[in-house]
Amino acid sequence: RVTDVGYGLVAPELGIDDYADKNIKGRIALVRRRVPHGLKLTPAQENSYGDMKFKAFLARERGAVGVVFW
């Protein structure tokens, strides 16, 4: 089963948690690549939050069995 988690961002300092109301344990996370426009991120934040390995790590930490990026 696939669950859409938007951009898959978890950034408490920005008040963002795309996993907040989603249970993805045992599911495949559908994650958008990069970061949304208009967040006013520093280049370092944009690189970190947009990194596909980091997004896959976050999904795995929340119980996902796989990740599909689009």
C-alpha atoms as a PDB file:
ATOM      1  CA  ARG A   1       0.000   0.000   0.000  1.00  0.00           C
ATOM      2  CA  VAL A   2       1.268   3.483  -0.901  1.00  0.00           C
ATOM      3  CA  THR A   3       0.821   6.588   1.249  1.00  0.00           C
ATOM      4  CA  ASP A   4       1.454  10.093  -0.083  1.00  0.00           C
ATOM      5  CA  VAL A   5       3.567  12.114   2.361  1.00  0.00           C
ATOM      6  CA  GLY A   6       4.016  15.202   0.200  1.00  0.00           C
ATOM      7  CA  TYR A   7       7.616  16.376   0.284  1.00  0.00           C
ATOM      8  CA  GLY A   8       8.387  14.129   3.260  1.00  0.00           C
ATOM      9  CA  LEU A   9       9.757  17.052   5.255  1.00  0.00           C
ATOM     10  CA  VAL A  10      10.326  17.105   8.983  1.00  0.00           C
ATOM     11  CA  ALA A  11      11.590  20.530  10.055  1.00  0.00           C
ATOM     12  CA  PRO A  12      10.462  21.432  13.588  1.00  0.00           C
ATOM     13  CA  GLU A  13      12.205  24.817  13.383  1.00  0.00           C
ATOM     14  CA  LEU A  14       9.923  25.664  10.455  1.00  0.00           C
ATOM     15  CA  GLY A  15       6.811  24.076  11.969  1.00  0.00           C
ATOM     16  CA  ILE A  16       6.707  21.399   9.246  1.00  0.00           C
ATOM     17  CA  ASP A  17       6.061  17.685   9.715  1.00  0.00           C
ATOM     18  CA  ASP A  18       4.651  15.995   6.624  1.00  0.00           C
ATOM     19  CA  TYR A  19       4.312  12.750   8.595  1.00  0.00           C
ATOM     20  CA  ALA A  20       2.302  14.260  11.476  1.00  0.00           C
ATOM     21  CA  ASP A  21      -1.088  12.742  10.675  1.00  0.00           C
ATOM     22  CA  LYS A  22       0.044   9.759   8.621  1.00  0.00           C
ATOM     23  CA  ASN A  23       0.741   6.188   9.648  1.00  0.00           C
ATOM     24  CA  ILE A  24       3.159   4.736   7.114  1.00  0.00           C
ATOM     25  CA  LYS A  25       4.297   1.724   9.106  1.00  0.00           C
ATOM     26  CA  GLY A  26       4.564  -1.213   6.722  1.00  0.00           C
ATOM     27  CA  ARG A  27       3.670   0.960   3.725  1.00  0.00           C
ATOM     28  CA  ILE A  28       5.477   2.553   0.818  1.00  0.00           C
ATOM     29  CA  ALA A  29       5.977   6.310   1.153  1.00  0.00           C
ATOM     30  CA  LEU A  30       5.252   8.384  -1.939  1.00  0.00           C
ATOM     31  CA  VAL A  31       7.567  11.399  -1.634  1.00  0.00           C
ATOM     32  CA  ARG A  32       7.961  14.440  -3.851  1.00  0.00           C
ATOM     33  CA  ARG A  33      11.501  15.324  -4.845  1.00  0.00           C
ATOM     34  CA  ARG A  34      13.218  18.528  -3.749  1.00  0.00           C
ATOM     35  CA  VAL A  35      11.483  21.056  -1.476  1.00  0.00           C
ATOM     36  CA  PRO A  36       8.467  23.289  -2.056  1.00  0.00           C
ATOM     37  CA  HIS A  37       9.031  26.794  -3.388  1.00  0.00           C
ATOM     38  CA  GLY A  38       8.369  29.684  -1.035  1.00  0.00           C
ATOM     39  CA  LEU A  39       9.773  28.210   2.187  1.00  0.00           C
ATOM     40  CA  LYS A  40      12.602  30.759   2.301  1.00  0.00           C
ATOM     41  CA  LEU A  41      15.230  28.148   3.108  1.00  0.00           C
ATOM     42  CA  THR A  42      18.952  28.772   3.174  1.00  0.00           C
ATOM     43  CA  PRO A  43      20.906  26.930   0.471  1.00  0.00           C
ATOM     44  CA  ALA A  44      22.212  24.533   3.153  1.00  0.00           C
ATOM     45  CA  GLN A  45      18.671  23.780   4.380  1.00  0.00           C
ATOM     46  CA  GLU A  46      17.436  23.302   0.829  1.00  0.00           C
ATOM     47  CA  ASN A  47      20.238  20.818   0.121  1.00  0.00           C
ATOM     48  CA  SER A  48      19.652  18.947   3.368  1.00  0.00           C
ATOM     49  CA  TYR A  49      15.850  18.771   3.277  1.00  0.00           C
ATOM     50  CA  GLY A  50      15.800  18.034  -0.451  1.00  0.00           C
ATOM     51  CA  ASP A  51      18.293  15.168  -0.255  1.00  0.00           C
ATOM     52  CA  MET A  52      16.668  11.908  -1.370  1.00  0.00           C
ATOM     53  CA  LYS A  53      18.779   9.776   0.991  1.00  0.00           C
ATOM     54  CA  PHE A  54      17.700  11.940   3.915  1.00  0.00           C
ATOM     55  CA  LYS A  55      14.046  11.681   2.867  1.00  0.00           C
ATOM     56  CA  ALA A  56      14.355   7.886   2.567  1.00  0.00           C
ATOM     57  CA  PHE A  57      15.940   7.772   6.036  1.00  0.00           C
ATOM     58  CA  LEU A  58      13.036   9.775   7.513  1.00  0.00           C
ATOM     59  CA  ALA A  59      10.501   7.459   5.893  1.00  0.00           C
ATOM     60  CA  ARG A  60      12.308   4.358   7.177  1.00  0.00           C
ATOM     61  CA  GLU A  61      12.495   5.825  10.681  1.00  0.00           C
ATOM     62  CA  ARG A  62       8.705   6.143  10.585  1.00  0.00           C
ATOM     63  CA  GLY A  63       8.209   2.528   9.523  1.00  0.00           C
ATOM     64  CA  ALA A  64       8.007   2.697   5.732  1.00  0.00           C
ATOM     65  CA  VAL A  65       9.099  -0.454   3.903  1.00  0.00           C
ATOM     66  CA  GLY A  66       9.911   1.461   0.721  1.00  0.00           C
ATOM     67  CA  VAL A  67       9.981   4.889  -0.882  1.00  0.00           C
ATOM     68  CA  VAL A  68       8.881   6.035  -4.318  1.00  0.00           C
ATOM     69  CA  PHE A  69      10.061   9.488  -5.388  1.00  0.00           C
ATOM     70  CA  TRP A  70       8.236  11.564  -7.966  1.00  0.00           C
END
